[in-house]
Amino acid sequence: MEWHEDLYLGSSVRHRYRRIKWKIMHNAGQLRVYVITLASNEKNLLDIIPSWELMQKYYPKDGLYAVGLAGSYDEALELAGRIIHDVYRTTGGFDVRSCIRQRGKQGT
C-alpha cells in the first residue's frame, strides 16, 4: 500500500492520523476508520475501504494508493466528495487518478 504525501483527513482523525496509518500498515485493529483509495478499476473514481477489511490476510493491498482517512462512513463520503471537487476545480475534469498522482510527484 502506498500513501499519498498530502493525505485528505477527516476532522475526527486529523489529530491521530500518523498512528492510524501505522496501525493499518501493521495489521492492528482500527474500528470506525475508513481509507479512501484511488479506484481499483477504471470505471470508478475512488474506493472507500473499511480499515478492518485491510486486516484480512489475503486482502490485496499491493497496488492500493491511499489518498484519505476518515473516522466514519459519512465522513468518508464527504471527504471523497471534497477530493473529487478539488480535482474538478483544478483540472476541469474528473481524472482523479492522474491529478492525485501528479500532485504526489510534485510533493504538494
N, C-alpha and C. Protein backbone atom coordinates (compact mmCIF):
# COMPACT_ATOMS: atom_id res chain seq x y z
N MET A 1 0.84 -1.17 0.00
CA MET A 1 0.00 0.00 0.00
C MET A 1 0.89 1.24 0.00
N GLU A 2 0.53 2.17 -0.82
CA GLU A 2 1.27 3.42 -0.91
C GLU A 2 0.37 4.54 -0.38
N TRP A 3 0.96 5.52 0.28
CA TRP A 3 0.21 6.62 0.89
C TRP A 3 0.54 7.92 0.17
N HIS A 4 -0.49 8.67 -0.16
CA HIS A 4 -0.31 10.00 -0.76
C HIS A 4 0.38 10.90 0.25
N GLU A 5 1.31 11.70 -0.21
CA GLU A 5 2.09 12.53 0.69
C GLU A 5 1.23 13.54 1.46
N ASP A 6 0.24 14.11 0.79
CA ASP A 6 -0.63 15.11 1.41
C ASP A 6 -2.04 14.52 1.54
N LEU A 7 -2.22 13.65 2.54
CA LEU A 7 -3.49 12.95 2.73
C LEU A 7 -4.64 13.90 3.02
N TYR A 8 -5.80 13.57 2.48
CA TYR A 8 -7.03 14.23 2.88
C TYR A 8 -7.46 13.58 4.19
N LEU A 9 -7.77 14.39 5.19
CA LEU A 9 -8.11 13.85 6.50
C LEU A 9 -9.45 14.38 6.98
N GLY A 10 -10.26 13.48 7.52
CA GLY A 10 -11.50 13.89 8.16
C GLY A 10 -11.18 14.53 9.50
N SER A 11 -12.07 15.37 9.97
CA SER A 11 -11.81 16.10 11.22
C SER A 11 -11.66 15.17 12.42
N SER A 12 -12.31 14.02 12.40
CA SER A 12 -12.24 13.11 13.54
C SER A 12 -10.94 12.32 13.62
N VAL A 13 -10.15 12.31 12.56
CA VAL A 13 -8.89 11.56 12.56
C VAL A 13 -7.67 12.46 12.37
N ARG A 14 -7.90 13.73 12.19
CA ARG A 14 -6.80 14.65 11.88
C ARG A 14 -5.68 14.61 12.92
N HIS A 15 -6.01 14.56 14.19
CA HIS A 15 -5.01 14.63 15.24
C HIS A 15 -4.29 13.31 15.50
N ARG A 16 -4.77 12.20 14.91
CA ARG A 16 -4.14 10.90 15.18
C ARG A 16 -3.87 10.10 13.91
N TYR A 17 -3.74 10.78 12.78
CA TYR A 17 -3.62 10.06 11.51
C TYR A 17 -2.30 9.27 11.39
N ARG A 18 -1.22 9.76 11.98
CA ARG A 18 0.04 9.00 11.90
C ARG A 18 -0.08 7.66 12.61
N ARG A 19 -0.70 7.66 13.75
CA ARG A 19 -0.90 6.42 14.50
C ARG A 19 -1.83 5.47 13.72
N ILE A 20 -2.88 6.02 13.13
CA ILE A 20 -3.81 5.21 12.34
C ILE A 20 -3.07 4.56 11.17
N LYS A 21 -2.27 5.35 10.45
CA LYS A 21 -1.51 4.80 9.32
C LYS A 21 -0.61 3.65 9.78
N TRP A 22 0.09 3.85 10.90
CA TRP A 22 0.99 2.83 11.42
C TRP A 22 0.20 1.56 11.73
N LYS A 23 -0.94 1.71 12.38
CA LYS A 23 -1.74 0.54 12.74
C LYS A 23 -2.24 -0.19 11.50
N ILE A 24 -2.66 0.55 10.50
CA ILE A 24 -3.14 -0.09 9.27
C ILE A 24 -2.01 -0.86 8.60
N MET A 25 -0.84 -0.27 8.55
CA MET A 25 0.29 -0.93 7.89
C MET A 25 0.79 -2.15 8.68
N HIS A 26 0.48 -2.21 9.97
CA HIS A 26 0.92 -3.33 10.81
C HIS A 26 -0.23 -4.25 11.21
N ASN A 27 -1.33 -4.17 10.48
CA ASN A 27 -2.50 -5.03 10.69
C ASN A 27 -3.05 -4.98 12.11
N ALA A 28 -2.97 -3.84 12.74
CA ALA A 28 -3.57 -3.66 14.06
C ALA A 28 -5.02 -3.20 13.88
N GLY A 29 -5.86 -3.54 14.82
CA GLY A 29 -7.28 -3.23 14.70
C GLY A 29 -7.58 -1.75 14.69
N GLN A 30 -8.39 -1.33 13.77
CA GLN A 30 -8.85 0.05 13.67
C GLN A 30 -10.33 0.03 13.30
N LEU A 31 -11.17 0.06 14.30
CA LEU A 31 -12.60 0.12 14.03
C LEU A 31 -12.99 1.56 13.72
N ARG A 32 -14.00 1.73 12.94
CA ARG A 32 -14.55 3.05 12.61
C ARG A 32 -13.53 3.96 11.90
N VAL A 33 -12.65 3.37 11.13
CA VAL A 33 -11.73 4.15 10.30
C VAL A 33 -11.89 3.65 8.87
N TYR A 34 -11.98 4.59 7.94
CA TYR A 34 -12.15 4.26 6.53
C TYR A 34 -11.00 4.86 5.74
N VAL A 35 -10.48 4.07 4.81
CA VAL A 35 -9.38 4.50 3.95
C VAL A 35 -9.96 4.79 2.57
N ILE A 36 -9.64 5.96 2.04
CA ILE A 36 -10.08 6.32 0.69
C ILE A 36 -8.89 6.12 -0.23
N THR A 37 -9.08 5.30 -1.26
CA THR A 37 -8.00 4.98 -2.19
C THR A 37 -8.43 5.33 -3.61
N LEU A 38 -7.44 5.41 -4.48
CA LEU A 38 -7.77 5.52 -5.90
C LEU A 38 -8.49 4.23 -6.28
N ALA A 39 -9.42 4.34 -7.20
CA ALA A 39 -10.27 3.21 -7.55
C ALA A 39 -9.47 2.02 -8.05
N SER A 40 -9.97 0.84 -7.72
CA SER A 40 -9.30 -0.39 -8.14
C SER A 40 -9.62 -0.76 -9.58
N ASN A 41 -10.57 -0.06 -10.18
CA ASN A 41 -10.87 -0.29 -11.60
C ASN A 41 -11.02 1.05 -12.31
N GLU A 42 -11.04 1.02 -13.60
CA GLU A 42 -11.04 2.24 -14.41
C GLU A 42 -12.40 2.96 -14.44
N LYS A 43 -13.47 2.28 -14.08
CA LYS A 43 -14.80 2.87 -14.18
C LYS A 43 -15.17 3.74 -12.98
N ASN A 44 -14.49 3.56 -11.86
CA ASN A 44 -14.79 4.32 -10.65
C ASN A 44 -13.74 5.40 -10.43
N LEU A 45 -14.05 6.33 -9.53
CA LEU A 45 -13.10 7.39 -9.21
C LEU A 45 -12.30 7.07 -7.95
N LEU A 46 -13.01 6.65 -6.89
CA LEU A 46 -12.37 6.35 -5.61
C LEU A 46 -13.03 5.12 -4.99
N ASP A 47 -12.30 4.47 -4.10
CA ASP A 47 -12.85 3.38 -3.30
C ASP A 47 -12.81 3.81 -1.84
N ILE A 48 -13.85 3.43 -1.10
CA ILE A 48 -13.88 3.65 0.35
C ILE A 48 -13.82 2.27 1.00
N ILE A 49 -12.74 2.03 1.73
CA ILE A 49 -12.48 0.71 2.30
C ILE A 49 -12.45 0.80 3.82
N PRO A 50 -13.28 0.01 4.50
CA PRO A 50 -13.18 -0.02 5.97
C PRO A 50 -11.82 -0.60 6.36
N SER A 51 -11.17 -0.01 7.31
CA SER A 51 -9.81 -0.45 7.66
C SER A 51 -9.76 -1.89 8.16
N TRP A 52 -10.85 -2.36 8.76
CA TRP A 52 -10.85 -3.75 9.22
C TRP A 52 -10.75 -4.73 8.06
N GLU A 53 -11.21 -4.33 6.87
CA GLU A 53 -11.06 -5.21 5.71
C GLU A 53 -9.60 -5.37 5.32
N LEU A 54 -8.82 -4.31 5.53
CA LEU A 54 -7.41 -4.36 5.19
C LEU A 54 -6.63 -5.31 6.09
N MET A 55 -7.21 -5.66 7.23
CA MET A 55 -6.56 -6.59 8.15
C MET A 55 -6.65 -8.04 7.67
N GLN A 56 -7.55 -8.31 6.75
CA GLN A 56 -7.71 -9.67 6.25
C GLN A 56 -6.40 -10.14 5.60
N LYS A 57 -6.01 -11.33 5.90
CA LYS A 57 -4.73 -11.86 5.45
C LYS A 57 -4.55 -11.79 3.93
N TYR A 58 -5.61 -12.09 3.20
CA TYR A 58 -5.48 -12.17 1.74
C TYR A 58 -6.06 -10.96 1.02
N TYR A 59 -6.30 -9.87 1.74
CA TYR A 59 -6.79 -8.66 1.07
C TYR A 59 -5.67 -8.12 0.18
N PRO A 60 -5.97 -7.83 -1.07
CA PRO A 60 -4.91 -7.37 -1.99
C PRO A 60 -4.50 -5.92 -1.72
N LYS A 61 -3.50 -5.72 -0.88
CA LYS A 61 -3.03 -4.37 -0.55
C LYS A 61 -2.07 -3.82 -1.60
N ASP A 62 -1.42 -4.72 -2.34
CA ASP A 62 -0.49 -4.26 -3.36
C ASP A 62 -1.25 -3.46 -4.41
N GLY A 63 -0.70 -2.33 -4.77
CA GLY A 63 -1.33 -1.50 -5.79
C GLY A 63 -2.32 -0.50 -5.23
N LEU A 64 -2.62 -0.54 -3.94
CA LEU A 64 -3.53 0.44 -3.34
C LEU A 64 -2.78 1.75 -3.12
N TYR A 65 -3.43 2.85 -3.45
CA TYR A 65 -2.85 4.18 -3.25
C TYR A 65 -3.83 4.98 -2.41
N ALA A 66 -3.52 5.10 -1.12
CA ALA A 66 -4.42 5.77 -0.17
C ALA A 66 -4.29 7.28 -0.30
N VAL A 67 -5.44 7.95 -0.41
CA VAL A 67 -5.44 9.41 -0.52
C VAL A 67 -6.16 10.09 0.63
N GLY A 68 -6.88 9.31 1.47
CA GLY A 68 -7.59 9.93 2.57
C GLY A 68 -7.92 8.97 3.68
N LEU A 69 -8.17 9.54 4.86
CA LEU A 69 -8.60 8.79 6.04
C LEU A 69 -9.78 9.49 6.67
N ALA A 70 -10.76 8.70 7.11
CA ALA A 70 -11.95 9.26 7.74
C ALA A 70 -12.34 8.40 8.93
N GLY A 71 -13.06 9.02 9.88
CA GLY A 71 -13.44 8.33 11.10
C GLY A 71 -14.82 7.72 11.08
N SER A 72 -15.57 7.91 10.00
CA SER A 72 -16.88 7.29 9.86
C SER A 72 -17.19 7.18 8.36
N TYR A 73 -18.19 6.38 8.05
CA TYR A 73 -18.54 6.22 6.64
C TYR A 73 -19.07 7.54 6.07
N ASP A 74 -19.89 8.25 6.84
CA ASP A 74 -20.41 9.54 6.37
C ASP A 74 -19.29 10.54 6.13
N GLU A 75 -18.33 10.55 7.04
CA GLU A 75 -17.17 11.43 6.87
C GLU A 75 -16.37 11.03 5.64
N ALA A 76 -16.26 9.73 5.38
CA ALA A 76 -15.55 9.25 4.19
C ALA A 76 -16.26 9.69 2.92
N LEU A 77 -17.59 9.67 2.92
CA LEU A 77 -18.34 10.14 1.75
C LEU A 77 -18.11 11.63 1.51
N GLU A 78 -18.13 12.42 2.59
CA GLU A 78 -17.88 13.85 2.47
C GLU A 78 -16.46 14.11 1.96
N LEU A 79 -15.51 13.37 2.48
CA LEU A 79 -14.12 13.53 2.08
C LEU A 79 -13.92 13.15 0.61
N ALA A 80 -14.55 12.07 0.18
CA ALA A 80 -14.47 11.66 -1.22
C ALA A 80 -15.06 12.75 -2.12
N GLY A 81 -16.16 13.33 -1.69
CA GLY A 81 -16.76 14.43 -2.44
C GLY A 81 -15.82 15.62 -2.53
N ARG A 82 -15.14 15.91 -1.42
CA ARG A 82 -14.19 17.04 -1.42
C ARG A 82 -13.02 16.77 -2.35
N ILE A 83 -12.53 15.53 -2.36
CA ILE A 83 -11.42 15.17 -3.25
C ILE A 83 -11.84 15.36 -4.70
N ILE A 84 -13.00 14.84 -5.05
CA ILE A 84 -13.48 14.95 -6.43
C ILE A 84 -13.72 16.42 -6.80
N HIS A 85 -14.27 17.19 -5.86
CA HIS A 85 -14.49 18.62 -6.12
C HIS A 85 -13.16 19.34 -6.35
N ASP A 86 -12.16 19.04 -5.54
CA ASP A 86 -10.84 19.65 -5.72
C ASP A 86 -10.24 19.31 -7.07
N VAL A 87 -10.37 18.06 -7.48
CA VAL A 87 -9.85 17.64 -8.79
C VAL A 87 -10.58 18.38 -9.90
N TYR A 88 -11.90 18.48 -9.81
CA TYR A 88 -12.67 19.16 -10.85
C TYR A 88 -12.31 20.65 -10.90
N ARG A 89 -12.17 21.27 -9.72
CA ARG A 89 -11.83 22.69 -9.67
C ARG A 89 -10.44 22.94 -10.25
N THR A 90 -9.51 22.00 -10.03
CA THR A 90 -8.14 22.15 -10.51
C THR A 90 -8.00 21.88 -12.00
N THR A 91 -8.67 20.82 -12.47
CA THR A 91 -8.45 20.36 -13.85
C THR A 91 -9.61 20.59 -14.79
N GLY A 92 -10.81 20.81 -14.24
CA GLY A 92 -11.99 20.93 -15.09
C GLY A 92 -12.52 19.59 -15.54
N GLY A 93 -12.00 18.51 -14.98
CA GLY A 93 -12.43 17.16 -15.35
C GLY A 93 -12.46 16.26 -14.13
N PHE A 94 -12.66 14.98 -14.40
CA PHE A 94 -12.79 14.02 -13.32
C PHE A 94 -11.73 12.92 -13.35
N ASP A 95 -10.57 13.23 -13.91
CA ASP A 95 -9.49 12.24 -13.94
C ASP A 95 -8.74 12.29 -12.60
N VAL A 96 -9.38 11.71 -11.58
CA VAL A 96 -8.86 11.76 -10.21
C VAL A 96 -7.50 11.09 -10.13
N ARG A 97 -7.36 9.95 -10.75
CA ARG A 97 -6.12 9.18 -10.68
C ARG A 97 -4.92 10.02 -11.17
N SER A 98 -5.02 10.61 -12.33
CA SER A 98 -3.91 11.39 -12.88
C SER A 98 -3.61 12.62 -12.05
N CYS A 99 -4.65 13.31 -11.62
CA CYS A 99 -4.46 14.53 -10.84
C CYS A 99 -3.80 14.25 -9.50
N ILE A 100 -4.28 13.24 -8.80
CA ILE A 100 -3.72 12.90 -7.50
C ILE A 100 -2.28 12.41 -7.64
N ARG A 101 -2.03 11.57 -8.61
CA ARG A 101 -0.67 11.05 -8.82
C ARG A 101 0.30 12.19 -9.16
N GLN A 102 -0.17 13.14 -9.98
CA GLN A 102 0.66 14.29 -10.35
C GLN A 102 0.99 15.13 -9.12
N ARG A 103 0.00 15.36 -8.27
CA ARG A 103 0.24 16.11 -7.03
C ARG A 103 1.22 15.39 -6.12
N GLY A 104 1.13 14.06 -6.10
CA GLY A 104 2.06 13.27 -5.28
C GLY A 104 3.49 13.40 -5.75
N LYS A 105 3.69 13.49 -7.08
CA LYS A 105 5.03 13.64 -7.62
C LYS A 105 5.60 15.02 -7.33
N GLN A 106 4.71 16.03 -7.29
CA GLN A 106 5.16 17.40 -7.03
C GLN A 106 5.42 17.62 -5.54
N GLY A 107 4.83 16.75 -4.70
CA GLY A 107 5.03 16.88 -3.27
C GLY A 107 4.23 17.99 -2.63
N THR A 108 3.09 18.34 -3.25
CA THR A 108 2.26 19.42 -2.68
C THR A 108 1.11 18.86 -1.93
